Each structure stands twice: as C-alpha cells, then as structure tokens.
Amino acid sequence: MADRHRLESLDRGECLELLRTVRVGRLVFTEDLLPAVQPVNFRIHRGQVVIRVAGGAKLTAATTGAVVAFQADELDPDLRAGWSVTVVGHASLVTDIGELVELAGTFLQPWVDGRRDRFVRIGTEKVTGRRLLAPVSTRPAE
C-alpha cells in the first residue's frame, strides 16, 4: 500500500499567520493587458499584504485600484509537504503619513538597487490556503 498525503484547507486566520512566516511572495497583476507575475518582498500589516515598489505596472495597479492576486508558499519538494496561501483584493497606494512611518520601519533593505519608496496595500478580500500534510502510512502493521 502507498503512503497518502492529506490536503487541508486553511481558514483566513491560519493563512495570515503563515504569511507572517515568509518574506517573499508573488504578485499577480495586469501589465499591457496581459497577466504578469513578479516576486516581491512583503509584510502583513494591519491584516493586509503590503509591498514596497519603485513604480511601473505595480504602482499603476495600486493607483487605479486594480484587483490583484498575491501568493506565497513554503514547500518541501523532498517531503512533498508544505503550504500555499493566495490573497485576492484591490490594490491601493498607502498615503497616510502615520502608516507610512510604521511601514518604513518594518521592511528590510530591498534586494535590488534603486529607490522603493512607495507602499502598496493589497486588500485581503479573498484569502484561501491549503496545507499538504506529510503522508499517513496505509501499510498494514507487521
């Protein structure tokens, strides 16, 4: 008999807690009328995903209130276990001075050169997640 993995659905709270444990995810947005996916550093702030951007299509998505998706995960290919969380919501530019000061202190140095002094909030309007659990042996006991 084979070992069987179990797939578990996660609730909103579990999803947001898992997102707090990683620092890189993927932003899915529209660029030139086509889907685009880019890795981004992020933080969970006030229950929403926040990324830091320089400009370009990600900033445009925020200033037009576009619906975007965000996905992060932690997967172990050897154990075939891990989790994945997806957030879908409207993007918006963070403009409140107090919140900007809070956010500026929570982000590490950007991975690439150049200024990234704008913060984009992704509303957590839809949050889904799944965890792939380690296999449960279905082999008969000896």
C-alpha atoms as a PDB file:
ATOM      1  CA  MET A   1       0.000   0.000   0.000  1.00  0.00           C
ATOM      2  CA  ALA A   2       1.137   3.530  -0.699  1.00  0.00           C
ATOM      3  CA  ASP A   3       1.638   6.438   1.651  1.00  0.00           C
ATOM      4  CA  ARG A   4      -1.071   9.076   1.167  1.00  0.00           C
ATOM      5  CA  HIS A   5      -0.674  12.811   1.603  1.00  0.00           C
ATOM      6  CA  ARG A   6      -3.528  14.791   3.093  1.00  0.00           C
ATOM      7  CA  LEU A   7      -4.665  18.171   1.787  1.00  0.00           C
ATOM      8  CA  GLU A   8      -6.104  20.503   4.411  1.00  0.00           C
ATOM      9  CA  SER A   9      -7.995  23.745   3.734  1.00  0.00           C
ATOM     10  CA  LEU A  10      -6.877  26.654   5.904  1.00  0.00           C
ATOM     11  CA  ASP A  11      -9.076  29.369   7.353  1.00  0.00           C
ATOM     12  CA  ARG A  12      -8.343  33.092   6.988  1.00  0.00           C
ATOM     13  CA  GLY A  13      -6.544  33.376  10.331  1.00  0.00           C
ATOM     14  CA  GLU A  14      -4.288  30.407   9.616  1.00  0.00           C
ATOM     15  CA  CYS A  15      -3.470  31.836   6.189  1.00  0.00           C
ATOM     16  CA  LEU A  16      -2.469  35.255   7.551  1.00  0.00           C
ATOM     17  CA  GLU A  17      -0.345  33.637  10.277  1.00  0.00           C
ATOM     18  CA  LEU A  18       1.503  31.548   7.684  1.00  0.00           C
ATOM     19  CA  LEU A  19       2.124  34.632   5.548  1.00  0.00           C
ATOM     20  CA  ARG A  20       3.846  36.238   8.546  1.00  0.00           C
ATOM     21  CA  THR A  21       6.445  33.441   8.463  1.00  0.00           C
ATOM     22  CA  VAL A  22       7.828  34.194   4.981  1.00  0.00           C
ATOM     23  CA  ARG A  23       9.125  37.373   3.343  1.00  0.00           C
ATOM     24  CA  VAL A  24       8.796  36.751  -0.400  1.00  0.00           C
ATOM     25  CA  GLY A  25       5.697  36.061  -2.445  1.00  0.00           C
ATOM     26  CA  ARG A  26       4.425  36.588  -5.977  1.00  0.00           C
ATOM     27  CA  LEU A  27       2.248  39.472  -7.098  1.00  0.00           C
ATOM     28  CA  VAL A  28      -0.125  38.750  -9.973  1.00  0.00           C
ATOM     29  CA  PHE A  29      -1.339  41.834 -11.815  1.00  0.00           C
ATOM     30  CA  THR A  30      -2.126  43.102 -15.301  1.00  0.00           C
ATOM     31  CA  GLU A  31       0.583  44.696 -17.417  1.00  0.00           C
ATOM     32  CA  ASP A  32      -0.057  45.756 -21.014  1.00  0.00           C
ATOM     33  CA  LEU A  33      -3.419  43.922 -20.888  1.00  0.00           C
ATOM     34  CA  LEU A  34      -1.705  40.623 -20.051  1.00  0.00           C
ATOM     35  CA  PRO A  35      -1.207  38.745 -16.767  1.00  0.00           C
ATOM     36  CA  ALA A  36       2.130  39.396 -15.097  1.00  0.00           C
ATOM     37  CA  VAL A  37       3.737  37.692 -12.098  1.00  0.00           C
ATOM     38  CA  GLN A  38       6.672  39.113 -10.155  1.00  0.00           C
ATOM     39  CA  PRO A  39       8.361  38.107  -6.918  1.00  0.00           C
ATOM     40  CA  VAL A  40       8.059  40.763  -4.200  1.00  0.00           C
ATOM     41  CA  ASN A  41       9.143  41.275  -0.603  1.00  0.00           C
ATOM     42  CA  PHE A  42       6.096  41.831   1.569  1.00  0.00           C
ATOM     43  CA  ARG A  43       4.793  42.246   5.076  1.00  0.00           C
ATOM     44  CA  ILE A  44       1.431  41.622   6.684  1.00  0.00           C
ATOM     45  CA  HIS A  45       0.380  44.952   8.173  1.00  0.00           C
ATOM     46  CA  ARG A  46      -2.989  45.519   9.823  1.00  0.00           C
ATOM     47  CA  GLY A  47      -4.232  42.256   8.338  1.00  0.00           C
ATOM     48  CA  GLN A  48      -3.345  43.163   4.756  1.00  0.00           C
ATOM     49  CA  VAL A  49      -0.445  42.411   2.411  1.00  0.00           C
ATOM     50  CA  VAL A  50       1.879  45.375   1.835  1.00  0.00           C
ATOM     51  CA  ILE A  51       4.640  45.540  -0.749  1.00  0.00           C
ATOM     52  CA  ARG A  52       7.228  48.223  -1.462  1.00  0.00           C
ATOM     53  CA  VAL A  53       7.564  49.413  -5.058  1.00  0.00           C
ATOM     54  CA  ALA A  54       9.545  51.875  -7.137  1.00  0.00           C
ATOM     55  CA  GLY A  55       6.948  52.462  -9.824  1.00  0.00           C
ATOM     56  CA  GLY A  56       5.880  50.819 -13.046  1.00  0.00           C
ATOM     57  CA  ALA A  57       2.946  48.482 -13.533  1.00  0.00           C
ATOM     58  CA  LYS A  58       2.697  47.538  -9.836  1.00  0.00           C
ATOM     59  CA  LEU A  59       2.312  51.190  -8.861  1.00  0.00           C
ATOM     60  CA  THR A  60      -0.160  51.730 -11.698  1.00  0.00           C
ATOM     61  CA  ALA A  61      -2.251  48.822 -10.425  1.00  0.00           C
ATOM     62  CA  ALA A  62      -2.334  50.461  -6.997  1.00  0.00           C
ATOM     63  CA  THR A  63      -3.249  53.930  -8.192  1.00  0.00           C
ATOM     64  CA  THR A  64      -6.105  52.608 -10.323  1.00  0.00           C
ATOM     65  CA  GLY A  65      -7.496  50.311  -7.627  1.00  0.00           C
ATOM     66  CA  ALA A  66      -6.969  47.213  -9.760  1.00  0.00           C
ATOM     67  CA  VAL A  67      -7.805  43.762  -8.474  1.00  0.00           C
ATOM     68  CA  VAL A  68      -4.580  41.809  -7.982  1.00  0.00           C
ATOM     69  CA  ALA A  69      -3.614  38.450  -6.550  1.00  0.00           C
ATOM     70  CA  PHE A  70      -0.786  37.594  -4.212  1.00  0.00           C
ATOM     71  CA  GLN A  71       0.557  34.130  -3.488  1.00  0.00           C
ATOM     72  CA  ALA A  72       3.186  32.854  -1.081  1.00  0.00           C
ATOM     73  CA  ASP A  73       4.141  29.379  -0.002  1.00  0.00           C
ATOM     74  CA  GLU A  74       6.636  27.197   1.738  1.00  0.00           C
ATOM     75  CA  LEU A  75       7.075  23.830   0.083  1.00  0.00           C
ATOM     76  CA  ASP A  76       9.446  20.951   0.707  1.00  0.00           C
ATOM     77  CA  PRO A  77       9.876  19.007  -2.540  1.00  0.00           C
ATOM     78  CA  ASP A  78      11.643  16.113  -0.819  1.00  0.00           C
ATOM     79  CA  LEU A  79       8.921  15.547   1.765  1.00  0.00           C
ATOM     80  CA  ARG A  80       6.199  16.666  -0.637  1.00  0.00           C
ATOM     81  CA  ALA A  81       4.711  18.772   2.126  1.00  0.00           C
ATOM     82  CA  GLY A  82       4.093  22.442   2.794  1.00  0.00           C
ATOM     83  CA  TRP A  83       1.509  25.148   2.366  1.00  0.00           C
ATOM     84  CA  SER A  84       0.295  27.753  -0.104  1.00  0.00           C
ATOM     85  CA  VAL A  85      -1.793  30.886   0.501  1.00  0.00           C
ATOM     86  CA  THR A  86      -3.474  33.126  -2.064  1.00  0.00           C
ATOM     87  CA  VAL A  87      -4.879  36.601  -1.436  1.00  0.00           C
ATOM     88  CA  VAL A  88      -7.106  38.454  -3.886  1.00  0.00           C
ATOM     89  CA  GLY A  89      -8.071  42.075  -3.402  1.00  0.00           C
ATOM     90  CA  HIS A  90      -7.932  45.645  -4.623  1.00  0.00           C
ATOM     91  CA  ALA A  91      -4.517  47.307  -4.670  1.00  0.00           C
ATOM     92  CA  SER A  92      -4.204  50.782  -3.203  1.00  0.00           C
ATOM     93  CA  LEU A  93      -1.392  53.195  -2.517  1.00  0.00           C
ATOM     94  CA  VAL A  94      -0.667  53.802   1.168  1.00  0.00           C
ATOM     95  CA  THR A  95      -0.767  57.575   1.705  1.00  0.00           C
ATOM     96  CA  ASP A  96      -1.406  58.021   5.442  1.00  0.00           C
ATOM     97  CA  ILE A  97       1.760  59.536   6.975  1.00  0.00           C
ATOM     98  CA  GLY A  98       1.474  57.627  10.253  1.00  0.00           C
ATOM     99  CA  GLU A  99       1.056  54.325   8.462  1.00  0.00           C
ATOM    100  CA  LEU A 100       3.957  55.125   6.115  1.00  0.00           C
ATOM    101  CA  VAL A 101       6.214  55.731   9.114  1.00  0.00           C
ATOM    102  CA  GLU A 102       5.124  52.395  10.629  1.00  0.00           C
ATOM    103  CA  LEU A 103       5.742  50.564   7.363  1.00  0.00           C
ATOM    104  CA  ALA A 104       9.126  52.147   6.660  1.00  0.00           C
ATOM    105  CA  GLY A 105      10.494  50.582   9.826  1.00  0.00           C
ATOM    106  CA  THR A 106       9.235  47.069   9.066  1.00  0.00           C
ATOM    107  CA  PHE A 107      10.857  46.459   5.703  1.00  0.00           C
ATOM    108  CA  LEU A 108      14.358  45.152   5.209  1.00  0.00           C
ATOM    109  CA  GLN A 109      16.697  46.558   2.599  1.00  0.00           C
ATOM    110  CA  PRO A 110      15.311  45.894  -0.910  1.00  0.00           C
ATOM    111  CA  TRP A 111      17.002  43.064  -2.794  1.00  0.00           C
ATOM    112  CA  VAL A 112      17.702  45.178  -5.865  1.00  0.00           C
ATOM    113  CA  ASP A 113      19.233  48.617  -6.295  1.00  0.00           C
ATOM    114  CA  GLY A 114      17.111  51.698  -6.627  1.00  0.00           C
ATOM    115  CA  ARG A 115      14.574  53.549  -4.549  1.00  0.00           C
ATOM    116  CA  ARG A 116      11.418  51.827  -3.483  1.00  0.00           C
ATOM    117  CA  ASP A 117       9.660  54.483  -1.516  1.00  0.00           C
ATOM    118  CA  ARG A 118       6.013  53.710  -2.299  1.00  0.00           C
ATOM    119  CA  PHE A 119       3.941  51.195  -0.376  1.00  0.00           C
ATOM    120  CA  VAL A 120       1.084  49.295  -1.986  1.00  0.00           C
ATOM    121  CA  ARG A 121      -1.605  47.644   0.106  1.00  0.00           C
ATOM    122  CA  ILE A 122      -3.403  44.561  -1.180  1.00  0.00           C
ATOM    123  CA  GLY A 123      -6.804  44.175   0.395  1.00  0.00           C
ATOM    124  CA  THR A 124      -7.437  40.721   1.811  1.00  0.00           C
ATOM    125  CA  GLU A 125     -10.895  40.452   0.301  1.00  0.00           C
ATOM    126  CA  LYS A 126     -10.469  36.760  -0.504  1.00  0.00           C
ATOM    127  CA  VAL A 127      -7.943  34.629   1.366  1.00  0.00           C
ATOM    128  CA  THR A 128      -7.536  30.930   0.665  1.00  0.00           C
ATOM    129  CA  GLY A 129      -4.915  28.431   1.634  1.00  0.00           C
ATOM    130  CA  ARG A 130      -4.054  24.783   1.665  1.00  0.00           C
ATOM    131  CA  ARG A 131      -1.573  22.676   3.561  1.00  0.00           C
ATOM    132  CA  LEU A 132      -0.189  19.438   2.192  1.00  0.00           C
ATOM    133  CA  LEU A 133       0.472  17.251   5.217  1.00  0.00           C
ATOM    134  CA  ALA A 134       3.092  14.541   5.498  1.00  0.00           C
ATOM    135  CA  PRO A 135       1.920  11.143   4.390  1.00  0.00           C
ATOM    136  CA  VAL A 136      -0.035   8.850   6.621  1.00  0.00           C
ATOM    137  CA  SER A 137       1.091   5.307   6.077  1.00  0.00           C
ATOM    138  CA  THR A 138      -1.564   2.978   4.778  1.00  0.00           C
ATOM    139  CA  ARG A 139       0.717  -0.026   5.096  1.00  0.00           C
ATOM    140  CA  PRO A 140      -0.577  -2.803   7.329  1.00  0.00           C
ATOM    141  CA  ALA A 141       1.206  -3.247  10.639  1.00  0.00           C
ATOM    142  CA  GLU A 142       3.630  -6.147  10.750  1.00  0.00           C
END
